[in-house]
Amino acid sequence: MDVIINGERRDVAPRSTVADVVRSLTDAPGGVAAAVNDEVVPRAAWAATPIAENDRVDVLTAVQGG
């Protein structure tokens, strides 16, 4: 299934969830946010939020610096 992840078209398995997409990009335990089609998905809902064909998924990781 084709979706756009962080601006790049990618193939993901059918029935993938936001949690699956996030796991494929980072193993950071915190500081990660996700949105599907410009709607923020609360972390508690990632595993229950399916990804559909042509969805736009943005996964952001907080970075510290100084």
PDB file of N, CA and C in Angstrom:
ATOM      1  N   MET A   1       0.855  -1.160   0.000  1.00  0.00           N
ATOM      2  CA  MET A   1       0.000   0.000   0.000  1.00  0.00           C
ATOM      3  C   MET A   1       0.907   1.231   0.000  1.00  0.00           C
ATOM      4  N   ASP A   2       0.632   2.184  -0.876  1.00  0.00           N
ATOM      5  CA  ASP A   2       1.444   3.398  -0.985  1.00  0.00           C
ATOM      6  C   ASP A   2       0.932   4.481  -0.048  1.00  0.00           C
ATOM      7  N   VAL A   3       1.855   5.047   0.728  1.00  0.00           N
ATOM      8  CA  VAL A   3       1.555   6.191   1.588  1.00  0.00           C
ATOM      9  C   VAL A   3       2.726   7.170   1.485  1.00  0.00           C
ATOM     10  N   ILE A   4       2.506   8.371   1.968  1.00  0.00           N
ATOM     11  CA  ILE A   4       3.577   9.364   1.981  1.00  0.00           C
ATOM     12  C   ILE A   4       4.003   9.552   3.429  1.00  0.00           C
ATOM     13  N   ILE A   5       5.254   9.204   3.717  1.00  0.00           N
ATOM     14  CA  ILE A   5       5.786   9.301   5.073  1.00  0.00           C
ATOM     15  C   ILE A   5       6.880  10.349   5.078  1.00  0.00           C
ATOM     16  N   ASN A   6       6.668  11.397   5.868  1.00  0.00           N
ATOM     17  CA  ASN A   6       7.627  12.507   5.948  1.00  0.00           C
ATOM     18  C   ASN A   6       8.020  13.010   4.560  1.00  0.00           C
ATOM     19  N   GLY A   7       7.026  13.117   3.683  1.00  0.00           N
ATOM     20  CA  GLY A   7       7.245  13.685   2.359  1.00  0.00           C
ATOM     21  C   GLY A   7       7.727  12.726   1.298  1.00  0.00           C
ATOM     22  N   GLU A   8       7.979  11.462   1.650  1.00  0.00           N
ATOM     23  CA  GLU A   8       8.464  10.473   0.684  1.00  0.00           C
ATOM     24  C   GLU A   8       7.436   9.371   0.492  1.00  0.00           C
ATOM     25  N   ARG A   9       7.163   9.026  -0.758  1.00  0.00           N
ATOM     26  CA  ARG A   9       6.241   7.928  -1.036  1.00  0.00           C
ATOM     27  C   ARG A   9       6.916   6.618  -0.639  1.00  0.00           C
ATOM     28  N   ARG A  10       6.189   5.815   0.143  1.00  0.00           N
ATOM     29  CA  ARG A  10       6.729   4.528   0.607  1.00  0.00           C
ATOM     30  C   ARG A  10       5.645   3.469   0.564  1.00  0.00           C
ATOM     31  N   ASP A  11       6.082   2.233   0.537  1.00  0.00           N
ATOM     32  CA  ASP A  11       5.164   1.104   0.560  1.00  0.00           C
ATOM     33  C   ASP A  11       5.102   0.566   1.985  1.00  0.00           C
ATOM     34  N   VAL A  12       3.896   0.398   2.514  1.00  0.00           N
ATOM     35  CA  VAL A  12       3.714  -0.203   3.836  1.00  0.00           C
ATOM     36  C   VAL A  12       2.761  -1.381   3.712  1.00  0.00           C
ATOM     37  N   ALA A  13       2.824  -2.265   4.650  1.00  0.00           N
ATOM     38  CA  ALA A  13       1.970  -3.452   4.634  1.00  0.00           C
ATOM     39  C   ALA A  13       0.508  -3.069   4.848  1.00  0.00           C
ATOM     40  N   PRO A  14      -0.398  -3.805   4.224  1.00  0.00           N
ATOM     41  CA  PRO A  14      -1.822  -3.568   4.486  1.00  0.00           C
ATOM     42  C   PRO A  14      -2.108  -3.710   5.982  1.00  0.00           C
ATOM     43  N   ARG A  15      -3.078  -2.976   6.460  1.00  0.00           N
ATOM     44  CA  ARG A  15      -3.507  -2.975   7.862  1.00  0.00           C
ATOM     45  C   ARG A  15      -2.448  -2.397   8.804  1.00  0.00           C
ATOM     46  N   SER A  16      -1.515  -1.616   8.259  1.00  0.00           N
ATOM     47  CA  SER A  16      -0.526  -0.949   9.112  1.00  0.00           C
ATOM     48  C   SER A  16      -1.215   0.133   9.938  1.00  0.00           C
ATOM     49  N   THR A  17      -0.635   0.391  11.089  1.00  0.00           N
ATOM     50  CA  THR A  17      -1.145   1.437  11.972  1.00  0.00           C
ATOM     51  C   THR A  17      -0.098   2.533  12.120  1.00  0.00           C
ATOM     52  N   VAL A  18      -0.494   3.611  12.752  1.00  0.00           N
ATOM     53  CA  VAL A  18       0.464   4.675  13.043  1.00  0.00           C
ATOM     54  C   VAL A  18       1.621   4.107  13.865  1.00  0.00           C
ATOM     55  N   ALA A  19       1.328   3.245  14.823  1.00  0.00           N
ATOM     56  CA  ALA A  19       2.383   2.641  15.646  1.00  0.00           C
ATOM     57  C   ALA A  19       3.383   1.880  14.783  1.00  0.00           C
ATOM     58  N   ASP A  20       2.907   1.156  13.778  1.00  0.00           N
ATOM     59  CA  ASP A  20       3.808   0.413  12.885  1.00  0.00           C
ATOM     60  C   ASP A  20       4.729   1.361  12.125  1.00  0.00           C
ATOM     61  N   VAL A  21       4.165   2.446  11.621  1.00  0.00           N
ATOM     62  CA  VAL A  21       4.958   3.409  10.860  1.00  0.00           C
ATOM     63  C   VAL A  21       6.011   4.063  11.760  1.00  0.00           C
ATOM     64  N   VAL A  22       5.602   4.481  12.952  1.00  0.00           N
ATOM     65  CA  VAL A  22       6.549   5.114  13.876  1.00  0.00           C
ATOM     66  C   VAL A  22       7.682   4.147  14.204  1.00  0.00           C
ATOM     67  N   ARG A  23       7.339   2.891  14.507  1.00  0.00           N
ATOM     68  CA  ARG A  23       8.352   1.876  14.829  1.00  0.00           C
ATOM     69  C   ARG A  23       9.327   1.658  13.674  1.00  0.00           C
ATOM     70  N   SER A  24       8.841   1.797  12.445  1.00  0.00           N
ATOM     71  CA  SER A  24       9.725   1.581  11.297  1.00  0.00           C
ATOM     72  C   SER A  24      10.716   2.732  11.110  1.00  0.00           C
ATOM     73  N   LEU A  25      10.438   3.871  11.743  1.00  0.00           N
ATOM     74  CA  LEU A  25      11.301   5.039  11.579  1.00  0.00           C
ATOM     75  C   LEU A  25      12.212   5.321  12.759  1.00  0.00           C
ATOM     76  N   THR A  26      11.762   4.998  13.962  1.00  0.00           N
ATOM     77  CA  THR A  26      12.550   5.332  15.149  1.00  0.00           C
ATOM     78  C   THR A  26      12.253   4.365  16.272  1.00  0.00           C
ATOM     79  N   ASP A  27      13.247   4.141  17.109  1.00  0.00           N
ATOM     80  CA  ASP A  27      13.021   3.347  18.320  1.00  0.00           C
ATOM     81  C   ASP A  27      13.149   4.234  19.558  1.00  0.00           C
ATOM     82  N   ALA A  28      13.043   5.540  19.348  1.00  0.00           N
ATOM     83  CA  ALA A  28      13.095   6.488  20.464  1.00  0.00           C
ATOM     84  C   ALA A  28      11.929   6.214  21.421  1.00  0.00           C
ATOM     85  N   PRO A  29      12.200   6.143  22.718  1.00  0.00           N
ATOM     86  CA  PRO A  29      11.136   5.843  23.680  1.00  0.00           C
ATOM     87  C   PRO A  29      10.200   7.016  23.952  1.00  0.00           C
ATOM     88  N   GLY A  30      10.600   8.208  23.592  1.00  0.00           N
ATOM     89  CA  GLY A  30       9.756   9.381  23.841  1.00  0.00           C
ATOM     90  C   GLY A  30      10.142  10.512  22.917  1.00  0.00           C
ATOM     91  N   GLY A  31       9.432  11.616  23.037  1.00  0.00           N
ATOM     92  CA  GLY A  31       9.737  12.775  22.218  1.00  0.00           C
ATOM     93  C   GLY A  31       9.351  12.605  20.769  1.00  0.00           C
ATOM     94  N   VAL A  32       8.358  11.745  20.497  1.00  0.00           N
ATOM     95  CA  VAL A  32       7.928  11.487  19.130  1.00  0.00           C
ATOM     96  C   VAL A  32       6.471  11.905  18.999  1.00  0.00           C
ATOM     97  N   ALA A  33       6.149  12.559  17.897  1.00  0.00           N
ATOM     98  CA  ALA A  33       4.773  12.942  17.593  1.00  0.00           C
ATOM     99  C   ALA A  33       4.428  12.420  16.203  1.00  0.00           C
ATOM    100  N   ALA A  34       3.145  12.133  15.982  1.00  0.00           N
ATOM    101  CA  ALA A  34       2.710  11.629  14.680  1.00  0.00           C
ATOM    102  C   ALA A  34       1.407  12.308  14.266  1.00  0.00           C
ATOM    103  N   ALA A  35       1.290  12.535  12.955  1.00  0.00           N
ATOM    104  CA  ALA A  35       0.072  13.113  12.388  1.00  0.00           C
ATOM    105  C   ALA A  35      -0.272  12.348  11.118  1.00  0.00           C
ATOM    106  N   VAL A  36      -1.565  12.190  10.864  1.00  0.00           N
ATOM    107  CA  VAL A  36      -2.041  11.564   9.644  1.00  0.00           C
ATOM    108  C   VAL A  36      -2.926  12.579   8.940  1.00  0.00           C
ATOM    109  N   ASN A  37      -2.571  12.899   7.718  1.00  0.00           N
ATOM    110  CA  ASN A  37      -3.320  13.883   6.932  1.00  0.00           C
ATOM    111  C   ASN A  37      -3.514  15.182   7.706  1.00  0.00           C
ATOM    112  N   ASP A  38      -2.438  15.641   8.322  1.00  0.00           N
ATOM    113  CA  ASP A  38      -2.383  16.913   9.059  1.00  0.00           C
ATOM    114  C   ASP A  38      -3.170  16.924  10.363  1.00  0.00           C
ATOM    115  N   GLU A  39      -3.599  15.760  10.846  1.00  0.00           N
ATOM    116  CA  GLU A  39      -4.293  15.652  12.129  1.00  0.00           C
ATOM    117  C   GLU A  39      -3.396  14.905  13.109  1.00  0.00           C
ATOM    118  N   VAL A  40      -3.049  15.553  14.212  1.00  0.00           N
ATOM    119  CA  VAL A  40      -2.209  14.909  15.221  1.00  0.00           C
ATOM    120  C   VAL A  40      -2.941  13.706  15.797  1.00  0.00           C
ATOM    121  N   VAL A  41      -2.212  12.602  15.920  1.00  0.00           N
ATOM    122  CA  VAL A  41      -2.768  11.379  16.506  1.00  0.00           C
ATOM    123  C   VAL A  41      -2.149  11.223  17.890  1.00  0.00           C
ATOM    124  N   PRO A  42      -2.973  11.233  18.944  1.00  0.00           N
ATOM    125  CA  PRO A  42      -2.423  11.056  20.294  1.00  0.00           C
ATOM    126  C   PRO A  42      -1.695   9.714  20.404  1.00  0.00           C
ATOM    127  N   ARG A  43      -0.600   9.714  21.131  1.00  0.00           N
ATOM    128  CA  ARG A  43       0.210   8.499  21.280  1.00  0.00           C
ATOM    129  C   ARG A  43      -0.620   7.291  21.724  1.00  0.00           C
ATOM    130  N   ALA A  44      -1.576   7.508  22.600  1.00  0.00           N
ATOM    131  CA  ALA A  44      -2.420   6.410  23.093  1.00  0.00           C
ATOM    132  C   ALA A  44      -3.258   5.788  21.977  1.00  0.00           C
ATOM    133  N   ALA A  45      -3.437   6.487  20.871  1.00  0.00           N
ATOM    134  CA  ALA A  45      -4.272   5.983  19.773  1.00  0.00           C
ATOM    135  C   ALA A  45      -3.457   5.418  18.608  1.00  0.00           C
ATOM    136  N   TRP A  46      -2.142   5.469  18.676  1.00  0.00           N
ATOM    137  CA  TRP A  46      -1.322   5.017  17.551  1.00  0.00           C
ATOM    138  C   TRP A  46      -1.633   3.589  17.134  1.00  0.00           C
ATOM    139  N   ALA A  47      -1.722   2.676  18.077  1.00  0.00           N
ATOM    140  CA  ALA A  47      -1.924   1.254  17.741  1.00  0.00           C
ATOM    141  C   ALA A  47      -3.306   0.990  17.150  1.00  0.00           C
ATOM    142  N   ALA A  48      -4.256   1.868  17.424  1.00  0.00           N
ATOM    143  CA  ALA A  48      -5.625   1.671  16.943  1.00  0.00           C
ATOM    144  C   ALA A  48      -5.951   2.534  15.723  1.00  0.00           C
ATOM    145  N   THR A  49      -4.977   3.308  15.228  1.00  0.00           N
ATOM    146  CA  THR A  49      -5.229   4.199  14.100  1.00  0.00           C
ATOM    147  C   THR A  49      -4.645   3.597  12.827  1.00  0.00           C
ATOM    148  N   PRO A  50      -5.519   3.125  11.929  1.00  0.00           N
ATOM    149  CA  PRO A  50      -5.024   2.508  10.696  1.00  0.00           C
ATOM    150  C   PRO A  50      -4.531   3.545   9.694  1.00  0.00           C
ATOM    151  N   ILE A  51      -3.636   3.102   8.849  1.00  0.00           N
ATOM    152  CA  ILE A  51      -3.135   3.915   7.745  1.00  0.00           C
ATOM    153  C   ILE A  51      -3.816   3.404   6.477  1.00  0.00           C
ATOM    154  N   ALA A  52      -4.301   4.337   5.648  1.00  0.00           N
ATOM    155  CA  ALA A  52      -4.983   3.968   4.405  1.00  0.00           C
ATOM    156  C   ALA A  52      -4.130   4.366   3.200  1.00  0.00           C
ATOM    157  N   GLU A  53      -4.437   3.775   2.068  1.00  0.00           N
ATOM    158  CA  GLU A  53      -3.764   4.093   0.814  1.00  0.00           C
ATOM    159  C   GLU A  53      -3.733   5.609   0.613  1.00  0.00           C
ATOM    160  N   ASN A  54      -2.583   6.122   0.230  1.00  0.00           N
ATOM    161  CA  ASN A  54      -2.352   7.537  -0.067  1.00  0.00           C
ATOM    162  C   ASN A  54      -2.432   8.478   1.130  1.00  0.00           C
ATOM    163  N   ASP A  55      -2.490   7.951   2.357  1.00  0.00           N
ATOM    164  CA  ASP A  55      -2.437   8.825   3.535  1.00  0.00           C
ATOM    165  C   ASP A  55      -1.087   9.525   3.582  1.00  0.00           C
ATOM    166  N   ARG A  56      -1.069  10.701   4.213  1.00  0.00           N
ATOM    167  CA  ARG A  56       0.169  11.427   4.481  1.00  0.00           C
ATOM    168  C   ARG A  56       0.458  11.297   5.971  1.00  0.00           C
ATOM    169  N   VAL A  57       1.577  10.690   6.297  1.00  0.00           N
ATOM    170  CA  VAL A  57       1.965  10.474   7.692  1.00  0.00           C
ATOM    171  C   VAL A  57       3.232  11.274   7.969  1.00  0.00           C
ATOM    172  N   ASP A  58       3.185  12.063   9.037  1.00  0.00           N
ATOM    173  CA  ASP A  58       4.357  12.815   9.455  1.00  0.00           C
ATOM    174  C   ASP A  58       4.759  12.335  10.833  1.00  0.00           C
ATOM    175  N   VAL A  59       6.021  11.964  10.996  1.00  0.00           N
ATOM    176  CA  VAL A  59       6.549  11.515  12.272  1.00  0.00           C
ATOM    177  C   VAL A  59       7.696  12.468  12.630  1.00  0.00           C
ATOM    178  N   LEU A  60       7.576  13.093  13.777  1.00  0.00           N
ATOM    179  CA  LEU A  60       8.550  14.080  14.219  1.00  0.00           C
ATOM    180  C   LEU A  60       9.192  13.629  15.509  1.00  0.00           C
ATOM    181  N   THR A  61      10.494  13.831  15.634  1.00  0.00           N
ATOM    182  CA  THR A  61      11.228  13.484  16.838  1.00  0.00           C
ATOM    183  C   THR A  61      11.843  14.744  17.415  1.00  0.00           C
ATOM    184  N   ALA A  62      11.615  14.963  18.690  1.00  0.00           N
ATOM    185  CA  ALA A  62      12.195  16.134  19.369  1.00  0.00           C
ATOM    186  C   ALA A  62      13.697  15.955  19.482  1.00  0.00           C
ATOM    187  N   VAL A  63      14.414  17.039  19.303  1.00  0.00           N
ATOM    188  CA  VAL A  63      15.872  17.031  19.399  1.00  0.00           C
ATOM    189  C   VAL A  63      16.292  18.101  20.395  1.00  0.00           C
ATOM    190  N   GLN A  64      17.199  17.741  21.287  1.00  0.00           N
ATOM    191  CA  GLN A  64      17.708  18.723  22.247  1.00  0.00           C
ATOM    192  C   GLN A  64      19.037  19.252  21.750  1.00  0.00           C
ATOM    193  N   GLY A  65      19.291  20.457  22.113  1.00  0.00           N
ATOM    194  CA  GLY A  65      20.567  21.045  21.722  1.00  0.00           C
ATOM    195  C   GLY A  65      20.743  22.387  22.411  1.00  0.00           C
ATOM    196  N   GLY A  66      21.816  22.993  22.181  1.00  0.00           N
ATOM    197  CA  GLY A  66      22.003  24.244  22.855  1.00  0.00           C
ATOM    198  C   GLY A  66      22.951  25.154  22.218  1.00  0.00           C
TER     199      GLY A  66
END
